C-alpha cells in the first residue's frame, strides 16, 4: 500500500516506427534510473589548521580523481580527491579498512558520511 504512495511518477515515452511492411509499431521507453551514490566511508577526525579530514574507508576503494560527496548534519559538499595520505605517506589507492588523510575544501565533522559518486 505504501509503495504506491511514495512511488515516483515516471514519464513513459511512446516511440512510433514504420516497419518495412508499412505497419506502425509503437514501443514504450522508460527513462534510465540514476545511479545511487555508494557509501564509501565516514569521517573520523578533522584538523582545522591544515583543513584535512581523516576518513575511514568502509566499502570499496578510493583513488585520486574520484568525486566524493561528504554529507552530515551541517556539512554537504562534493569534491574531487586530489591527494591522499596514510601516516604522512602519499598513496594512490585506499581500500576498505584503511584510514586516509584528505584535504577538504570545507569543514567536516565526526561521523559525516562519505559517498562515492
C-alpha atoms as a PDB file:
ATOM      1  CA  UNK A   1       0.000   0.000   0.000  1.00  0.00           C
ATOM      2  CA  UNK A   2       2.694   2.499   0.959  1.00  0.00           C
ATOM      3  CA  UNK A   3       4.799   1.682  -2.081  1.00  0.00           C
ATOM      4  CA  UNK A   4       2.107   3.186  -4.279  1.00  0.00           C
ATOM      5  CA  UNK A   5       2.034   6.373  -2.227  1.00  0.00           C
ATOM      6  CA  UNK A   6       5.754   7.051  -2.351  1.00  0.00           C
ATOM      7  CA  UNK A   7       6.493   5.734  -5.828  1.00  0.00           C
ATOM      8  CA  UNK A   8       7.980   8.272  -8.235  1.00  0.00           C
ATOM      9  CA  UNK A   9       5.862   9.010 -11.252  1.00  0.00           C
ATOM     10  CA  UNK A  10       7.747   8.148 -14.412  1.00  0.00           C
ATOM     11  CA  UNK A  11       7.057   9.685 -17.761  1.00  0.00           C
ATOM     12  CA  UNK A  12       6.615   6.997 -20.400  1.00  0.00           C
ATOM     13  CA  UNK A  13       7.608   7.989 -23.922  1.00  0.00           C
ATOM     14  CA  UNK A  14       5.969   6.217 -26.854  1.00  0.00           C
ATOM     15  CA  UNK A  15       8.081   5.862 -29.962  1.00  0.00           C
ATOM     16  CA  UNK A  16       6.428   5.180 -33.292  1.00  0.00           C
ATOM     17  CA  UNK A  17       8.324   3.431 -36.072  1.00  0.00           C
ATOM     18  CA  UNK A  18       7.373   2.298 -39.516  1.00  0.00           C
ATOM     19  CA  UNK A  19       8.477  -1.169 -40.423  1.00  0.00           C
ATOM     20  CA  UNK A  20       9.417  -2.282 -43.920  1.00  0.00           C
ATOM     21  CA  UNK A  21       5.942  -3.696 -44.424  1.00  0.00           C
ATOM     22  CA  UNK A  22       4.414  -0.273 -43.723  1.00  0.00           C
ATOM     23  CA  UNK A  23       2.970  -1.148 -40.323  1.00  0.00           C
ATOM     24  CA  UNK A  24       3.356   1.333 -37.483  1.00  0.00           C
ATOM     25  CA  UNK A  25       4.985  -0.156 -34.409  1.00  0.00           C
ATOM     26  CA  UNK A  26       4.844   1.546 -31.020  1.00  0.00           C
ATOM     27  CA  UNK A  27       7.357   0.931 -28.310  1.00  0.00           C
ATOM     28  CA  UNK A  28       7.363   2.395 -24.817  1.00  0.00           C
ATOM     29  CA  UNK A  29      10.588   3.580 -23.232  1.00  0.00           C
ATOM     30  CA  UNK A  30      11.208   4.460 -19.645  1.00  0.00           C
ATOM     31  CA  UNK A  31      13.995   6.847 -18.646  1.00  0.00           C
ATOM     32  CA  UNK A  32      17.100   5.226 -17.162  1.00  0.00           C
ATOM     33  CA  UNK A  33      17.374   5.238 -13.406  1.00  0.00           C
ATOM     34  CA  UNK A  34      20.111   7.393 -11.934  1.00  0.00           C
ATOM     35  CA  UNK A  35      22.766   5.502 -10.003  1.00  0.00           C
ATOM     36  CA  UNK A  36      22.542   5.893  -6.269  1.00  0.00           C
ATOM     37  CA  UNK A  37      25.786   7.001  -4.646  1.00  0.00           C
ATOM     38  CA  UNK A  38      27.677   4.286  -2.777  1.00  0.00           C
ATOM     39  CA  UNK A  39      28.701   4.825   0.843  1.00  0.00           C
ATOM     40  CA  UNK A  40      32.493   4.854   0.821  1.00  0.00           C
ATOM     41  CA  UNK A  41      33.242   5.654   4.452  1.00  0.00           C
ATOM     42  CA  UNK A  42      32.886   8.114   7.299  1.00  0.00           C
ATOM     43  CA  UNK A  43      34.839  10.993   8.785  1.00  0.00           C
ATOM     44  CA  UNK A  44      36.675  10.163  11.984  1.00  0.00           C
ATOM     45  CA  UNK A  45      38.614  13.399  12.614  1.00  0.00           C
ATOM     46  CA  UNK A  46      39.217  16.917  11.267  1.00  0.00           C
ATOM     47  CA  UNK A  47      42.373  19.025  11.505  1.00  0.00           C
ATOM     48  CA  UNK A  48      41.326  22.683  11.113  1.00  0.00           C
ATOM     49  CA  UNK A  49      44.833  24.177  10.871  1.00  0.00           C
ATOM     50  CA  UNK A  50      45.575  22.229   7.664  1.00  0.00           C
ATOM     51  CA  UNK A  51      41.930  21.723   6.535  1.00  0.00           C
ATOM     52  CA  UNK A  52      42.343  17.960   6.372  1.00  0.00           C
ATOM     53  CA  UNK A  53      39.899  15.245   7.283  1.00  0.00           C
ATOM     54  CA  UNK A  54      40.569  11.665   8.305  1.00  0.00           C
ATOM     55  CA  UNK A  55      38.263   9.240   6.515  1.00  0.00           C
ATOM     56  CA  UNK A  56      37.762   5.591   7.418  1.00  0.00           C
ATOM     57  CA  UNK A  57      37.092   3.726   4.172  1.00  0.00           C
ATOM     58  CA  UNK A  58      34.368   1.165   4.879  1.00  0.00           C
ATOM     59  CA  UNK A  59      33.417  -0.049   1.410  1.00  0.00           C
ATOM     60  CA  UNK A  60      35.197  -0.304  -1.923  1.00  0.00           C
ATOM     61  CA  UNK A  61      38.249   1.759  -2.758  1.00  0.00           C
ATOM     62  CA  UNK A  62      39.085   5.426  -3.273  1.00  0.00           C
ATOM     63  CA  UNK A  63      41.585   6.682  -5.848  1.00  0.00           C
ATOM     64  CA  UNK A  64      42.669  10.216  -6.823  1.00  0.00           C
ATOM     65  CA  UNK A  65      40.192  11.657  -9.313  1.00  0.00           C
ATOM     66  CA  UNK A  66      37.126  10.147  -7.642  1.00  0.00           C
ATOM     67  CA  UNK A  67      34.324  12.514  -6.716  1.00  0.00           C
ATOM     68  CA  UNK A  68      33.261  12.289  -3.073  1.00  0.00           C
ATOM     69  CA  UNK A  69      30.090  13.681  -1.543  1.00  0.00           C
ATOM     70  CA  UNK A  70      30.528  14.428   2.155  1.00  0.00           C
ATOM     71  CA  UNK A  71      27.224  14.822   3.966  1.00  0.00           C
ATOM     72  CA  UNK A  72      26.395  15.368   7.591  1.00  0.00           C
ATOM     73  CA  UNK A  73      24.079  17.388   9.811  1.00  0.00           C
ATOM     74  CA  UNK A  74      25.615  20.724   8.793  1.00  0.00           C
ATOM     75  CA  UNK A  75      28.003  19.515   6.086  1.00  0.00           C
ATOM     76  CA  UNK A  76      27.048  18.944   2.466  1.00  0.00           C
ATOM     77  CA  UNK A  77      29.540  19.341  -0.376  1.00  0.00           C
ATOM     78  CA  UNK A  78      31.122  17.477  -3.274  1.00  0.00           C
ATOM     79  CA  UNK A  79      34.815  17.389  -4.033  1.00  0.00           C
ATOM     80  CA  UNK A  80      37.323  15.563  -6.218  1.00  0.00           C
ATOM     81  CA  UNK A  81      40.065  13.616  -4.488  1.00  0.00           C
ATOM     82  CA  UNK A  82      43.385  15.332  -5.114  1.00  0.00           C
ATOM     83  CA  UNK A  83      45.895  13.577  -2.910  1.00  0.00           C
ATOM     84  CA  UNK A  84      45.614  11.077  -0.088  1.00  0.00           C
ATOM     85  CA  UNK A  85      47.972  10.128   2.704  1.00  0.00           C
ATOM     86  CA  UNK A  86      48.268   7.258   5.139  1.00  0.00           C
ATOM     87  CA  UNK A  87      50.631   8.046   8.048  1.00  0.00           C
ATOM     88  CA  UNK A  88      52.132  11.028   6.154  1.00  0.00           C
ATOM     89  CA  UNK A  89      52.958   8.836   3.133  1.00  0.00           C
ATOM     90  CA  UNK A  90      51.166   9.644  -0.147  1.00  0.00           C
ATOM     91  CA  UNK A  91      49.188   6.701  -1.543  1.00  0.00           C
ATOM     92  CA  UNK A  92      47.413   6.092  -4.869  1.00  0.00           C
ATOM     93  CA  UNK A  93      44.609   3.836  -3.647  1.00  0.00           C
ATOM     94  CA  UNK A  94      42.817   3.303  -0.362  1.00  0.00           C
ATOM     95  CA  UNK A  95      40.809   0.144   0.267  1.00  0.00           C
ATOM     96  CA  UNK A  96      38.241  -0.671   2.927  1.00  0.00           C
ATOM     97  CA  UNK A  97      39.591  -0.749   6.460  1.00  0.00           C
ATOM     98  CA  UNK A  98      42.196   1.980   5.911  1.00  0.00           C
ATOM     99  CA  UNK A  99      42.134   5.481   7.385  1.00  0.00           C
ATOM    100  CA  UNK A 100      43.261   8.155   4.952  1.00  0.00           C
ATOM    101  CA  UNK A 101      44.058  11.812   5.315  1.00  0.00           C
ATOM    102  CA  UNK A 102      42.374  14.000   2.722  1.00  0.00           C
ATOM    103  CA  UNK A 103      42.495  17.740   2.102  1.00  0.00           C
ATOM    104  CA  UNK A 104      38.939  19.072   2.170  1.00  0.00           C
ATOM    105  CA  UNK A 105      37.582  22.381   0.922  1.00  0.00           C
ATOM    106  CA  UNK A 106      35.147  22.819   3.807  1.00  0.00           C
ATOM    107  CA  UNK A 107      34.930  21.874   7.452  1.00  0.00           C
ATOM    108  CA  UNK A 108      33.862  18.276   8.148  1.00  0.00           C
ATOM    109  CA  UNK A 109      32.605  16.769  11.384  1.00  0.00           C
ATOM    110  CA  UNK A 110      32.953  13.472  13.196  1.00  0.00           C
ATOM    111  CA  UNK A 111      30.579  10.817  11.753  1.00  0.00           C
ATOM    112  CA  UNK A 112      29.873  12.676   8.490  1.00  0.00           C
ATOM    113  CA  UNK A 113      29.113  10.114   5.790  1.00  0.00           C
ATOM    114  CA  UNK A 114      31.283   9.948   2.661  1.00  0.00           C
ATOM    115  CA  UNK A 115      29.627   8.846  -0.583  1.00  0.00           C
ATOM    116  CA  UNK A 116      31.470   7.916  -3.765  1.00  0.00           C
ATOM    117  CA  UNK A 117      29.813   9.290  -6.902  1.00  0.00           C
END
